[in-house]
Protein backbone atom coordinates (compact mmCIF):
# COMPACT_ATOMS: atom_id res chain seq x y z
CA MET A 1 0.00 0.00 0.00
CA GLN A 2 1.23 3.44 -0.80
CA SER A 3 2.08 5.91 1.93
CA ARG A 4 0.60 9.35 1.47
CA THR A 5 0.99 12.58 3.38
CA GLY A 6 -1.91 14.16 5.18
CA ARG A 7 -4.33 12.75 7.73
CA PRO A 8 -3.37 9.44 9.36
CA ARG A 9 -4.94 6.42 7.71
CA SER A 10 -7.62 4.47 9.50
CA ALA A 11 -6.78 0.79 9.95
CA GLY A 12 -10.50 0.06 10.14
CA THR A 13 -11.09 1.71 6.76
CA ASP A 14 -8.20 -0.22 5.21
CA THR A 15 -9.60 -3.49 6.56
CA ALA A 16 -13.09 -2.72 5.26
CA ILE A 17 -11.71 -1.92 1.80
CA LEU A 18 -9.59 -5.07 1.58
CA ASP A 19 -12.46 -7.24 2.84
CA ALA A 20 -14.76 -5.67 0.27
CA THR A 21 -12.19 -6.25 -2.47
CA ARG A 22 -11.96 -9.97 -1.76
CA ALA A 23 -15.75 -10.32 -1.55
CA ALA A 24 -16.19 -8.50 -4.87
CA LEU A 25 -13.53 -10.64 -6.49
CA VAL A 26 -15.28 -13.87 -5.44
CA GLU A 27 -18.65 -12.59 -6.65
CA LEU A 28 -17.69 -10.66 -9.79
CA GLY A 29 -14.31 -11.96 -10.92
CA TRP A 30 -11.33 -9.87 -11.98
CA SER A 31 -12.75 -8.45 -15.20
CA LYS A 32 -15.96 -7.09 -13.67
CA LEU A 33 -14.48 -5.80 -10.42
CA THR A 34 -14.16 -2.00 -10.32
CA MET A 35 -12.81 0.48 -7.82
CA GLY A 36 -16.29 2.01 -7.64
CA ASP A 37 -17.86 -1.32 -6.69
CA VAL A 38 -15.30 -1.83 -3.93
CA ALA A 39 -15.91 1.67 -2.59
CA VAL A 40 -19.66 1.04 -2.38
CA ARG A 41 -19.21 -2.31 -0.64
CA ALA A 42 -16.72 -0.83 1.83
CA GLY A 43 -18.92 2.21 2.51
CA VAL A 44 -16.23 4.71 1.55
CA ALA A 45 -15.88 7.41 -1.07
CA LYS A 46 -13.94 6.62 -4.24
CA THR A 47 -11.56 9.42 -3.34
CA THR A 48 -10.77 7.57 -0.11
CA LEU A 49 -9.98 4.46 -2.11
CA TYR A 50 -7.75 6.28 -4.62
CA ARG A 51 -5.82 8.01 -1.84
CA ARG A 52 -4.73 4.56 -0.74
CA TRP A 53 -4.44 2.61 -4.01
CA SER A 54 -3.96 4.17 -7.42
CA ASN A 55 -5.46 1.27 -9.40
CA LYS A 56 -7.23 -2.06 -9.19
CA ASN A 57 -4.05 -4.10 -9.55
CA GLU A 58 -2.46 -2.59 -6.45
CA LEU A 59 -5.68 -2.96 -4.48
CA VAL A 60 -6.26 -6.63 -5.33
CA VAL A 61 -2.66 -7.64 -4.67
CA ASP A 62 -2.75 -6.00 -1.25
CA ALA A 63 -6.07 -7.71 -0.52
CA VAL A 64 -4.41 -11.05 -1.30
CA ALA A 65 -1.24 -10.17 0.63
CA VAL A 66 -3.21 -9.62 3.83
CA ILE A 67 -4.49 -13.21 3.65
CA PHE A 68 -0.99 -14.66 3.33
CA ASP A 69 0.27 -12.48 6.17
CA GLU A 70 -1.80 -14.76 8.42
CA LEU A 71 0.70 -17.60 7.88
CA ARG A 72 2.84 -18.39 10.90
CA LEU A 73 5.66 -20.89 11.33
CA PRO A 74 4.99 -22.91 14.49
CA ASP A 75 7.84 -24.10 16.69
CA LEU A 76 7.15 -27.81 17.11
CA GLY A 77 10.65 -28.85 18.04
CA SER A 78 11.96 -30.07 14.69
CA LEU A 79 12.33 -28.81 11.14
CA ASP A 80 10.30 -31.76 9.85
CA ALA A 81 7.33 -30.98 12.09
CA ASP A 82 7.55 -27.23 11.45
CA VAL A 83 7.51 -27.68 7.66
CA GLN A 84 4.59 -30.10 7.76
CA ALA A 85 2.61 -27.69 9.92
CA VAL A 86 3.16 -24.67 7.70
CA VAL A 87 2.32 -26.72 4.57
CA LEU A 88 -1.01 -27.74 6.10
CA GLN A 89 -1.66 -24.17 7.25
CA PHE A 90 -0.97 -22.85 3.75
CA ALA A 91 -3.25 -25.47 2.19
CA ALA A 92 -6.06 -24.62 4.63
CA LEU A 93 -5.71 -20.97 3.69
CA LEU A 94 -6.02 -21.86 -0.01
CA GLU A 95 -9.29 -23.65 0.76
CA ARG A 96 -10.89 -20.31 1.59
CA PRO A 97 -12.88 -19.05 -1.44
CA GLU A 98 -11.52 -15.50 -1.16
CA ALA A 99 -7.93 -16.73 -1.06
CA ARG A 100 -8.34 -19.22 -3.89
CA THR A 101 -10.19 -16.81 -6.18
CA ALA A 102 -8.01 -13.82 -5.44
CA LEU A 103 -4.72 -15.66 -5.91
CA MET A 104 -5.73 -17.28 -9.18
CA ALA A 105 -7.06 -13.96 -10.47
CA VAL A 106 -3.90 -11.98 -9.80
CA VAL A 107 -1.63 -14.73 -11.12
CA ALA A 108 -3.63 -14.99 -14.35
CA GLU A 109 -3.65 -11.22 -14.83
CA ALA A 110 0.07 -10.99 -14.04
CA THR A 111 0.95 -13.12 -17.07
CA ARG A 112 0.36 -10.04 -19.22
CA ASP A 113 1.24 -7.26 -16.76
CA GLU A 114 4.86 -6.79 -15.71
CA ALA A 115 4.02 -4.12 -13.13
CA LEU A 116 1.54 -6.48 -11.51
CA ARG A 117 4.17 -9.25 -11.37
CA ARG A 118 6.53 -6.89 -9.57
CA ARG A 119 3.78 -5.95 -7.15
CA ILE A 120 3.03 -9.60 -6.41
CA ARG A 121 6.69 -10.28 -5.75
CA SER A 122 7.17 -7.35 -3.38
CA ALA A 123 3.83 -7.56 -1.55
CA ILE A 124 3.37 -11.34 -1.35
CA VAL A 125 6.40 -13.42 -2.31
CA ASP A 126 9.14 -11.37 -0.65
CA ARG A 127 7.06 -10.91 2.50
CA GLN A 128 6.33 -14.62 2.86
CA LYS A 129 9.97 -15.61 2.47
CA ARG A 130 10.19 -14.61 6.13
CA LEU A 131 8.84 -18.09 6.90
CA VAL A 132 11.78 -19.76 5.14
CA LEU A 133 14.31 -17.48 6.83
CA GLU A 134 12.73 -18.00 10.22
CA GLY A 135 12.54 -21.77 9.78
CA ARG A 136 16.11 -22.04 8.56
CA ALA A 137 17.47 -19.92 11.41
CA ARG A 138 15.56 -22.01 13.94
CA ALA A 139 16.81 -25.27 12.39
CA GLN A 140 20.38 -23.96 12.39
CA ALA A 141 20.09 -23.06 16.08
CA ARG A 142 18.90 -26.62 16.80
CA GLY A 143 21.80 -28.07 14.83
CA GLU A 144 19.51 -29.55 12.16
CA LEU A 145 20.98 -27.42 9.35
CA PRO A 146 24.51 -26.08 8.86
CA TYR A 147 25.24 -22.38 8.89
CA GLU A 148 26.17 -20.96 5.48
CA ASP A 149 29.19 -18.73 4.99
CA ASP A 150 28.18 -17.31 1.60
CA PRO A 151 25.29 -14.80 1.97
CA ALA A 152 24.54 -14.85 -1.77
CA ARG A 153 24.23 -18.63 -1.81
CA ALA A 154 22.15 -18.57 1.36
CA ALA A 155 19.74 -16.09 -0.26
CA LEU A 156 19.54 -18.21 -3.41
CA ARG A 157 18.75 -21.32 -1.38
CA ALA A 158 16.05 -19.45 0.54
CA ASP A 159 14.44 -18.44 -2.76
CA LEU A 160 14.59 -22.04 -3.99
CA ILE A 161 13.09 -23.47 -0.81
CA PHE A 162 10.24 -20.96 -0.95
CA ASP A 163 9.58 -21.72 -4.62
CA VAL A 164 9.53 -25.47 -4.02
CA ILE A 165 7.15 -25.35 -1.05
CA ALA A 166 4.80 -22.66 -2.37
CA GLY A 167 4.82 -24.08 -5.89
CA ALA A 168 4.06 -27.62 -4.78
CA VAL A 169 1.21 -26.67 -2.47
CA VAL A 170 -0.39 -24.23 -4.92
CA HIS A 171 -0.12 -26.72 -7.79
CA ARG A 172 -1.62 -29.58 -5.82
CA ALA A 173 -4.40 -27.52 -4.22
CA LEU A 174 -5.37 -25.22 -7.09
CA VAL A 175 -4.20 -26.90 -10.30
CA SER A 176 -4.49 -30.62 -9.59
CA SER A 177 -7.31 -30.12 -7.06
CA GLU A 178 -5.90 -32.92 -4.91
CA PRO A 179 -5.99 -32.91 -1.12
CA VAL A 180 -3.10 -31.52 0.87
CA ASP A 181 -3.64 -33.72 3.91
CA GLU A 182 -1.36 -34.93 6.68
CA ALA A 183 -0.12 -37.92 4.67
CA TRP A 184 0.79 -35.76 1.66
CA ALA A 185 2.42 -33.11 3.87
CA ARG A 186 4.49 -35.81 5.60
CA ASP A 187 5.67 -37.37 2.32
CA PHE A 188 6.36 -34.00 0.73
CA THR A 189 8.38 -32.83 3.72
CA ALA A 190 10.41 -36.05 3.75
CA LEU A 191 11.23 -35.56 0.08
CA LEU A 192 12.09 -31.90 0.62
CA LEU A 193 14.41 -32.58 3.53
CA SER A 194 16.12 -35.71 2.15
CA GLY A 195 16.18 -34.95 -1.57
CA LEU A 196 15.60 -37.47 -4.33
CA THR A 197 18.53 -39.68 -3.41
CA PRO A 198 17.77 -42.04 -0.52
CA SER A 199 20.21 -41.98 2.36
CA VAL A 200 22.62 -44.89 2.70
CA PRO A 201 21.96 -46.88 5.90
């Protein structure tokens, strides 16, 4: 969301606008959703809306980002358990109609809009990489993962881990429409942590 000078923003107004955006997206779809419709649903003036978001793309991405900000990485005592828990949490979030519809809408629209892709990366992807960084740091403190001396390589590996987890869960839940249940989360996590090559006994 853009910061503007002037009167302080109301968190309640922001919440009402983002809630209205997700509801409109579920009901109308991307193509029919307008800033005016969101303003009416949220009970605010269009000028209030445009002071916060300059266009529909920014508004919808921020409405999606708020959903994913709900994700938390639990501390269950092991990297294996932590990963399984966040995978199941992510899948449960994608079961919500507003999350499913909003995410698929912005991803589809982003295929032809470079500015929207950048917005998705900064508002959603980069923010959610905190889970990978937090999980890795916790696992390193437990002695489950080694510390890395090369910051560039560490950043690249964090990107890769995020892409693998997010990509697998989104594909299974939204593309394949298969369940992300405890058994799948357990098998996926085992594959993620061990790699494709089985360990030698």
